[in-house]
N, C-alpha and C. Protein backbone atom coordinates (compact mmCIF):
# COMPACT_ATOMS: atom_id res chain seq x y z
N UNK A 1 30.28 15.11 35.15
CA UNK A 1 30.18 15.26 33.72
C UNK A 1 31.64 14.71 33.16
N UNK A 2 31.56 14.50 32.13
CA UNK A 2 32.90 13.68 31.12
C UNK A 2 32.28 13.56 29.91
N UNK A 3 33.91 14.20 29.24
CA UNK A 3 33.45 13.90 27.85
C UNK A 3 33.19 12.36 27.16
N UNK A 4 32.51 12.41 26.21
CA UNK A 4 31.79 11.52 25.67
C UNK A 4 32.42 11.12 24.08
N UNK A 5 33.37 10.60 23.52
CA UNK A 5 33.21 10.43 22.36
C UNK A 5 32.20 10.27 21.48
N UNK A 6 32.29 11.04 20.17
CA UNK A 6 30.97 10.93 19.10
C UNK A 6 31.72 10.32 17.94
N UNK A 7 30.98 9.33 17.59
CA UNK A 7 31.56 8.66 16.22
C UNK A 7 30.26 8.97 15.03
N UNK A 8 30.67 8.18 13.97
CA UNK A 8 29.34 8.64 12.78
C UNK A 8 28.97 7.02 13.03
N UNK A 9 27.84 7.06 12.59
CA UNK A 9 27.30 5.52 12.71
C UNK A 9 27.92 4.83 11.26
N UNK A 10 27.77 3.53 11.73
CA UNK A 10 28.26 2.74 10.46
C UNK A 10 27.24 2.74 9.03
N UNK A 11 26.11 2.89 9.14
CA UNK A 11 25.06 3.26 8.71
C UNK A 11 25.01 4.48 7.59
N UNK A 12 26.00 5.60 8.00
CA UNK A 12 25.90 7.07 7.60
C UNK A 12 26.49 6.83 5.98
N UNK A 13 25.89 7.21 5.18
CA UNK A 13 26.36 7.36 3.28
C UNK A 13 26.72 8.87 3.16
N UNK A 14 27.64 9.50 2.19
CA UNK A 14 27.97 10.59 1.82
C UNK A 14 28.38 10.10 0.21
N UNK A 15 27.47 11.04 -0.56
CA UNK A 15 27.94 11.41 -1.58
C UNK A 15 28.89 11.96 -2.25
N UNK A 16 29.23 11.43 -3.18
CA UNK A 16 30.42 12.66 -3.79
C UNK A 16 31.78 11.56 -3.89
N UNK A 17 33.06 12.36 -4.09
CA UNK A 17 34.06 11.94 -4.97
C UNK A 17 35.56 11.66 -3.94
N UNK A 18 35.17 11.93 -2.30
CA UNK A 18 36.18 12.37 -1.53
C UNK A 18 36.27 10.31 -0.77
N UNK A 19 37.51 10.15 0.26
CA UNK A 19 37.91 9.24 0.58
C UNK A 19 36.30 8.87 1.55
N UNK A 20 36.00 7.79 1.26
CA UNK A 20 34.67 7.06 1.66
C UNK A 20 33.24 6.93 1.47
N UNK A 21 33.57 8.29 0.19
CA UNK A 21 32.29 8.67 -0.36
C UNK A 21 32.00 7.42 -1.35
N UNK A 22 30.40 7.46 -1.82
CA UNK A 22 29.77 6.83 -2.76
C UNK A 22 29.23 7.81 -3.64
N UNK A 23 28.94 6.83 -5.46
CA UNK A 23 28.77 7.90 -6.60
C UNK A 23 27.44 7.70 -6.20
N UNK A 24 26.57 6.87 -5.96
CA UNK A 24 25.02 6.54 -6.13
C UNK A 24 24.73 5.84 -5.05
N UNK A 25 23.29 5.73 -4.88
CA UNK A 25 22.70 5.19 -3.71
C UNK A 25 21.52 4.81 -3.98
N UNK A 26 20.55 4.06 -3.28
CA UNK A 26 19.12 4.04 -3.42
C UNK A 26 18.39 3.08 -2.54
N UNK A 27 17.32 2.98 -2.89
CA UNK A 27 16.69 2.18 -2.00
C UNK A 27 15.10 2.75 -1.74
N UNK A 28 14.13 2.42 -0.61
CA UNK A 28 12.87 3.04 -0.26
C UNK A 28 13.70 4.41 0.71
N UNK A 29 12.92 5.45 0.69
CA UNK A 29 12.89 5.89 1.93
C UNK A 29 12.18 5.99 2.52
N UNK A 30 12.28 6.05 4.00
CA UNK A 30 11.67 5.60 4.89
C UNK A 30 11.37 6.86 6.07
N UNK A 31 12.15 7.95 5.86
CA UNK A 31 12.01 9.28 6.92
C UNK A 31 13.13 10.07 6.76
N UNK A 32 13.14 11.33 7.06
CA UNK A 32 13.87 12.66 7.76
C UNK A 32 14.23 12.39 9.15
N UNK A 33 15.81 12.67 8.71
CA UNK A 33 16.61 12.59 9.85
C UNK A 33 16.92 13.99 10.44
N UNK A 34 16.70 14.37 11.42
CA UNK A 34 17.53 16.02 11.62
C UNK A 34 19.00 15.73 12.21
N UNK A 35 19.60 16.32 11.33
CA UNK A 35 21.17 16.56 11.79
C UNK A 35 21.43 17.54 12.58
N UNK A 36 22.01 17.60 13.74
CA UNK A 36 22.04 18.79 14.85
C UNK A 36 23.68 18.91 14.62
N UNK A 37 24.44 18.51 13.64
CA UNK A 37 25.79 18.68 14.04
C UNK A 37 26.57 19.71 13.61
N UNK A 38 25.53 20.84 12.72
CA UNK A 38 26.35 21.76 12.58
C UNK A 38 25.60 23.11 12.70
N UNK A 39 25.94 24.20 12.40
CA UNK A 39 25.58 25.71 12.98
C UNK A 39 24.15 25.43 12.63
N UNK A 40 23.71 25.04 11.31
CA UNK A 40 22.37 25.30 10.52
C UNK A 40 22.04 24.04 10.70
N UNK A 41 20.92 23.21 11.22
CA UNK A 41 20.72 21.89 10.87
C UNK A 41 20.26 21.63 9.89
N UNK A 42 20.70 20.33 9.54
CA UNK A 42 20.44 19.67 7.99
C UNK A 42 19.55 18.85 8.19
N UNK A 43 19.13 18.34 6.96
CA UNK A 43 18.52 16.93 6.79
C UNK A 43 18.58 16.01 6.18
N UNK A 44 19.31 14.08 6.98
CA UNK A 44 19.47 13.50 6.20
C UNK A 44 18.41 12.23 5.69
N UNK A 45 18.39 11.66 5.18
CA UNK A 45 17.54 10.58 4.73
C UNK A 45 17.68 8.98 4.87
N UNK A 46 17.23 8.71 5.85
CA UNK A 46 17.18 7.29 5.80
C UNK A 46 16.37 6.03 4.87
N UNK A 47 16.99 5.17 4.37
CA UNK A 47 16.37 4.35 3.24
C UNK A 47 16.57 3.13 3.99
N UNK A 48 15.79 1.88 3.16
CA UNK A 48 16.44 0.92 3.05
C UNK A 48 17.17 0.60 1.64
N UNK A 49 18.16 -0.40 1.96
CA UNK A 49 18.73 -0.95 0.79
C UNK A 49 18.94 -1.81 0.54
N UNK A 50 19.67 -2.58 -0.76
CA UNK A 50 19.10 -3.91 -1.13
C UNK A 50 19.28 -5.13 -0.32
N UNK A 51 20.02 -5.22 0.61
CA UNK A 51 20.08 -5.90 1.66
C UNK A 51 19.39 -6.02 2.83
N UNK A 52 18.36 -4.61 2.58
CA UNK A 52 17.27 -4.95 3.59
C UNK A 52 17.78 -4.17 4.69
N UNK A 53 19.16 -3.07 4.96
CA UNK A 53 19.56 -2.81 5.77
C UNK A 53 19.00 -1.14 6.28
N UNK A 54 18.93 -0.46 7.25
CA UNK A 54 18.51 0.52 7.30
C UNK A 54 19.94 1.46 6.68
N UNK A 55 19.92 2.75 5.89
CA UNK A 55 21.05 3.39 5.64
C UNK A 55 20.53 4.92 6.13
N UNK A 56 21.57 5.64 6.14
CA UNK A 56 21.02 7.23 6.80
C UNK A 56 22.47 7.84 5.42
N UNK A 57 21.58 8.54 4.17
CA UNK A 57 22.27 9.11 3.58
C UNK A 57 22.18 10.59 3.94
N UNK A 58 23.61 11.42 3.87
CA UNK A 58 24.19 12.42 4.46
C UNK A 58 23.14 13.60 3.45
N UNK A 59 22.50 14.28 4.21
CA UNK A 59 21.62 15.30 3.18
C UNK A 59 22.87 16.43 2.88
N UNK A 60 22.35 17.01 2.01
CA UNK A 60 22.61 18.34 0.91
C UNK A 60 21.65 19.67 0.52
N UNK A 61 22.15 20.46 0.25
CA UNK A 61 21.30 21.36 -0.22
C UNK A 61 20.40 21.05 -1.56
N UNK A 62 21.37 20.28 -2.23
CA UNK A 62 20.78 19.73 -3.44
C UNK A 62 20.06 18.67 -3.26
N UNK A 63 20.17 17.93 -2.12
CA UNK A 63 19.09 16.85 -2.08
C UNK A 63 17.82 17.50 -1.35
N UNK A 64 18.18 18.58 -0.35
CA UNK A 64 16.63 19.19 0.38
C UNK A 64 15.99 19.82 -0.76
N UNK A 65 16.23 20.39 -2.07
CA UNK A 65 15.78 20.79 -3.05
C UNK A 65 14.92 19.94 -3.79
N UNK A 66 15.41 18.55 -4.02
CA UNK A 66 14.91 17.55 -4.46
C UNK A 66 14.04 16.23 -3.94
N UNK A 67 14.13 16.14 -2.81
CA UNK A 67 13.34 15.22 -1.86
C UNK A 67 12.56 15.94 -1.03
N UNK A 68 11.46 15.81 -1.38
CA UNK A 68 10.02 16.29 -0.41
C UNK A 68 9.28 15.24 0.32
N UNK A 69 8.58 15.53 1.06
CA UNK A 69 7.56 14.83 2.17
C UNK A 69 6.89 14.03 1.77
N UNK A 70 6.29 14.05 0.16
CA UNK A 70 5.25 13.15 -0.33
C UNK A 70 6.42 12.14 -0.87
N UNK A 71 7.21 12.21 -0.99
CA UNK A 71 8.13 10.86 -1.22
C UNK A 71 8.80 10.18 -0.46
N UNK A 72 8.61 10.10 0.51
CA UNK A 72 8.42 8.96 1.66
C UNK A 72 7.86 7.93 1.26
N UNK A 73 8.38 6.67 1.44
CA UNK A 73 7.79 5.24 0.92
C UNK A 73 8.07 4.91 -0.15
N UNK A 74 8.74 5.77 -0.74
CA UNK A 74 8.60 5.64 -2.70
C UNK A 74 10.27 5.10 -2.50
N UNK A 75 10.68 4.60 -3.86
CA UNK A 75 11.95 3.95 -4.47
C UNK A 75 12.73 5.28 -5.03
N UNK A 76 13.86 5.66 -4.48
CA UNK A 76 14.55 6.68 -5.18
C UNK A 76 16.21 5.76 -5.74
N UNK A 77 16.61 7.21 -6.30
CA UNK A 77 18.21 6.88 -6.42
C UNK A 77 18.95 8.53 -6.54
N UNK A 78 19.68 7.89 -5.86
CA UNK A 78 20.60 9.92 -5.80
C UNK A 78 22.30 9.26 -6.46
N UNK A 79 22.53 10.01 -7.47
CA UNK A 79 23.93 10.01 -8.24
C UNK A 79 24.39 11.17 -8.11
N UNK A 80 25.81 11.45 -7.26
CA UNK A 80 26.92 12.23 -7.74
C UNK A 80 27.07 12.56 -9.04
N UNK A 81 26.67 13.76 -9.61
CA UNK A 81 27.30 13.71 -10.70
C UNK A 81 28.40 14.89 -10.95
N UNK A 82 29.50 15.45 -9.72
CA UNK A 82 30.52 16.41 -9.71
C UNK A 82 29.88 17.56 -9.02
N UNK A 83 30.93 18.46 -9.24
CA UNK A 83 30.77 19.75 -8.53
C UNK A 83 30.65 20.87 -9.36
N UNK A 84 29.69 21.80 -8.54
CA UNK A 84 29.03 22.86 -9.33
C UNK A 84 29.69 24.27 -8.50
N UNK A 85 29.42 25.52 -9.35
CA UNK A 85 29.96 26.47 -8.27
C UNK A 85 28.61 27.34 -8.31
N UNK A 86 28.58 28.20 -7.29
CA UNK A 86 27.60 29.03 -7.01
C UNK A 86 27.82 30.48 -6.12
N UNK A 87 27.51 31.06 -5.92
CA UNK A 87 27.84 32.63 -5.16
C UNK A 87 28.46 31.97 -3.80
N UNK A 88 28.10 31.11 -3.03
CA UNK A 88 28.80 30.91 -1.91
C UNK A 88 29.69 29.80 -2.18
N UNK A 89 30.31 29.21 -2.91
CA UNK A 89 31.05 28.53 -3.03
C UNK A 89 30.77 26.76 -4.08
N UNK A 90 31.36 25.85 -3.72
CA UNK A 90 31.45 24.73 -4.44
C UNK A 90 30.24 24.07 -3.71
N UNK A 91 29.29 23.43 -4.96
CA UNK A 91 28.07 22.37 -4.13
C UNK A 91 28.09 21.02 -5.28
N UNK A 92 27.58 20.00 -4.48
CA UNK A 92 27.35 18.90 -4.93
C UNK A 92 26.34 18.91 -6.01
N UNK A 93 26.50 18.72 -7.09
CA UNK A 93 25.73 18.12 -8.05
C UNK A 93 25.03 16.92 -8.20
N UNK A 94 23.84 16.86 -7.45
CA UNK A 94 22.99 15.54 -7.24
C UNK A 94 22.16 15.42 -8.13
N UNK A 95 22.07 14.47 -9.01
CA UNK A 95 20.91 13.82 -9.65
C UNK A 95 19.86 12.95 -8.69
N UNK A 96 18.30 13.28 -8.59
CA UNK A 96 17.73 12.12 -7.98
C UNK A 96 16.27 12.10 -8.44
N UNK A 97 16.44 10.87 -8.79
CA UNK A 97 15.25 9.96 -9.17
C UNK A 97 13.99 9.34 -8.24
N UNK A 98 13.01 9.84 -8.11
CA UNK A 98 11.81 9.09 -7.49
C UNK A 98 10.91 8.66 -8.65
N UNK A 99 10.69 7.24 -7.81
CA UNK A 99 10.01 6.33 -9.07
C UNK A 99 8.24 6.51 -8.45
N UNK A 100 7.63 6.72 -9.21
CA UNK A 100 6.09 7.74 -9.04
C UNK A 100 5.38 6.52 -9.62
N UNK A 101 5.73 5.43 -10.38
CA UNK A 101 4.87 4.64 -11.11
C UNK A 101 4.21 3.61 -9.93
N UNK A 102 3.33 2.65 -10.75
CA UNK A 102 3.47 1.71 -9.83
C UNK A 102 4.41 0.42 -9.42
N UNK A 103 4.31 -0.17 -8.19
CA UNK A 103 5.35 -0.97 -8.05
C UNK A 103 5.61 -2.32 -9.27
N UNK A 104 6.60 -2.31 -9.91
CA UNK A 104 6.90 -3.97 -10.29
C UNK A 104 6.70 -4.96 -9.56
N UNK A 105 6.95 -6.37 -9.80
CA UNK A 105 7.17 -7.55 -9.36
C UNK A 105 8.60 -7.46 -8.63
N UNK A 106 9.64 -6.95 -9.48
CA UNK A 106 11.00 -6.58 -8.60
C UNK A 106 10.75 -5.91 -8.05
N UNK A 107 10.32 -4.69 -8.07
CA UNK A 107 10.40 -3.68 -6.72
C UNK A 107 9.38 -4.66 -5.34
N UNK A 108 8.36 -5.09 -5.82
CA UNK A 108 7.60 -5.51 -4.53
C UNK A 108 8.58 -6.98 -4.07
N UNK A 109 9.83 -7.35 -4.14
CA UNK A 109 10.86 -8.59 -3.98
C UNK A 109 11.94 -8.01 -3.01
N UNK A 110 11.50 -6.48 -3.05
CA UNK A 110 12.45 -5.59 -2.47
C UNK A 110 12.40 -5.58 -0.61
N UNK A 111 13.66 -6.16 -0.16
CA UNK A 111 13.22 -6.38 1.28
C UNK A 111 12.72 -5.04 2.16
N UNK A 112 11.87 -5.75 3.01
CA UNK A 112 11.05 -4.51 4.04
C UNK A 112 10.26 -3.96 2.72
N UNK A 113 9.97 -4.31 1.75
CA UNK A 113 8.65 -3.48 0.77
C UNK A 113 7.52 -3.57 1.81
N UNK A 114 6.85 -4.59 2.23
CA UNK A 114 5.27 -3.96 2.98
C UNK A 114 5.39 -3.16 3.84
N UNK A 115 6.71 -3.16 4.65
CA UNK A 115 6.64 -2.40 5.97
C UNK A 115 7.11 -0.96 5.34
N UNK A 116 7.37 -0.83 4.46
CA UNK A 116 8.08 0.92 4.28
C UNK A 116 7.76 1.44 2.94
N UNK A 117 7.01 0.68 2.06
CA UNK A 117 6.49 1.33 0.56
C UNK A 117 5.35 1.76 0.89
N UNK A 118 5.46 3.43 0.33
CA UNK A 118 4.20 4.03 0.60
C UNK A 118 3.98 4.36 2.26
N UNK A 119 4.56 3.81 3.09
CA UNK A 119 4.10 4.23 4.14
C UNK A 119 4.13 5.60 4.73
N UNK A 120 5.11 6.43 4.02
CA UNK A 120 5.34 7.74 4.48
C UNK A 120 4.96 8.57 3.37
N UNK A 121 4.75 8.07 2.56
CA UNK A 121 4.17 9.44 1.51
C UNK A 121 2.88 9.42 1.10
N UNK A 122 2.06 10.74 0.75
CA UNK A 122 0.65 10.79 0.34
C UNK A 122 0.44 9.71 -1.03
N UNK A 123 -0.77 9.90 -0.97
CA UNK A 123 -1.28 8.84 -2.40
C UNK A 123 -0.99 9.93 -3.39
N UNK A 124 -0.22 9.46 -4.61
CA UNK A 124 0.09 10.36 -5.97
C UNK A 124 -0.17 9.38 -7.03
N UNK A 125 -0.73 9.93 -8.19
CA UNK A 125 -1.50 9.51 -9.20
C UNK A 125 -0.30 8.46 -9.99
N UNK A 126 -0.68 7.19 -10.01
CA UNK A 126 -0.12 5.99 -10.26
C UNK A 126 0.31 6.33 -11.77
N UNK A 127 1.52 6.23 -12.30
CA UNK A 127 1.84 5.68 -13.73
C UNK A 127 2.54 4.70 -13.94
N UNK A 128 1.86 3.89 -15.12
CA UNK A 128 2.21 2.59 -15.18
C UNK A 128 3.43 2.45 -16.25
N UNK A 129 4.72 1.84 -15.95
CA UNK A 129 5.72 2.22 -16.71
C UNK A 129 6.66 0.89 -16.42
N UNK A 130 7.41 0.36 -17.53
CA UNK A 130 8.16 -0.64 -17.16
C UNK A 130 9.37 -0.33 -17.40
N UNK A 131 10.35 -1.25 -16.57
CA UNK A 131 11.66 -0.86 -16.66
C UNK A 131 12.05 -0.61 -17.73
N UNK A 132 11.71 -1.71 -18.18
CA UNK A 132 12.70 -1.66 -19.57
C UNK A 132 12.31 -0.26 -20.94
N UNK A 133 11.36 0.47 -20.29
CA UNK A 133 10.94 1.11 -21.12
C UNK A 133 10.99 2.68 -20.47
N UNK A 134 11.84 2.77 -19.46
CA UNK A 134 12.12 3.78 -18.91
C UNK A 134 13.19 4.56 -19.48
N UNK A 135 13.06 6.35 -19.62
CA UNK A 135 14.07 6.90 -20.25
C UNK A 135 15.91 6.33 -20.03
N UNK A 136 16.56 6.54 -20.59
CA UNK A 136 17.76 6.30 -20.21
C UNK A 136 18.70 6.75 -19.22
N UNK A 137 18.39 7.90 -19.33
CA UNK A 137 19.03 8.61 -17.25
C UNK A 137 18.86 7.61 -16.63
N UNK A 138 17.86 7.32 -16.52
CA UNK A 138 17.76 6.37 -15.24
C UNK A 138 18.06 4.52 -15.56
N UNK A 139 18.26 4.05 -16.40
CA UNK A 139 18.56 3.23 -16.53
C UNK A 139 19.38 2.60 -16.18
N UNK A 140 19.90 1.68 -15.71
CA UNK A 140 21.45 1.06 -14.80
C UNK A 140 22.27 0.64 -16.29
N UNK A 141 23.55 1.51 -16.20
CA UNK A 141 24.07 1.10 -16.96
C UNK A 141 24.90 -0.33 -16.95
N UNK A 142 24.90 -0.85 -18.22
CA UNK A 142 26.00 -2.36 -18.16
C UNK A 142 27.42 -2.62 -17.46
N UNK A 143 27.83 -1.30 -17.37
CA UNK A 143 29.37 -1.57 -16.65
C UNK A 143 28.95 -1.30 -15.07
N UNK A 144 27.67 -1.09 -14.80
CA UNK A 144 27.21 -0.67 -13.23
C UNK A 144 26.15 -1.72 -12.67
N UNK A 145 26.26 -2.11 -11.62
CA UNK A 145 24.86 -2.57 -10.93
C UNK A 145 25.08 -2.44 -9.62
N UNK A 146 24.37 -1.12 -9.24
CA UNK A 146 24.03 -1.15 -8.17
C UNK A 146 22.82 -1.46 -7.16
N UNK A 147 22.64 -2.66 -7.41
CA UNK A 147 21.31 -3.73 -7.30
C UNK A 147 20.17 -2.90 -7.27
N UNK A 148 19.88 -1.93 -7.61
CA UNK A 148 18.11 -1.35 -7.61
C UNK A 148 17.61 -1.68 -8.94
N UNK A 149 15.83 -1.56 -8.56
CA UNK A 149 15.13 -2.34 -9.20
C UNK A 149 14.93 -1.49 -10.77
N UNK A 150 15.89 -0.40 -10.52
CA UNK A 150 15.97 0.74 -11.93
C UNK A 150 16.96 0.90 -12.14
């Protein structure tokens, strides 16, 4: 028996306003990852980023309520919007956007698109939309370039 140091993987991403946190992430959801480092296990989310790398987004109660099994294989974007208060204390307010339409030509160019797009999700009714006609809430801001196709 010996002690083995455990470290956080380099591809682990946390949303928030703390040191090392990011404000927004997105890509193609690939799978749920069970995280047993806490007394109550939580779910983290693996996704393919704009560079084709597999990343793991740290799960939270907010994400668990918004990302479902049938979202696997779809494009998503998650953005930290601040802190909320509940009876249990503070919580991260995270906006989650899931692309439910047909993929555009830009989306089809995403790294590993052929490998992961819709691979984990159930078929859904497709809604044709253009990026230019998307609601302002999910359009990229001019000052922000997160590399996502929406």
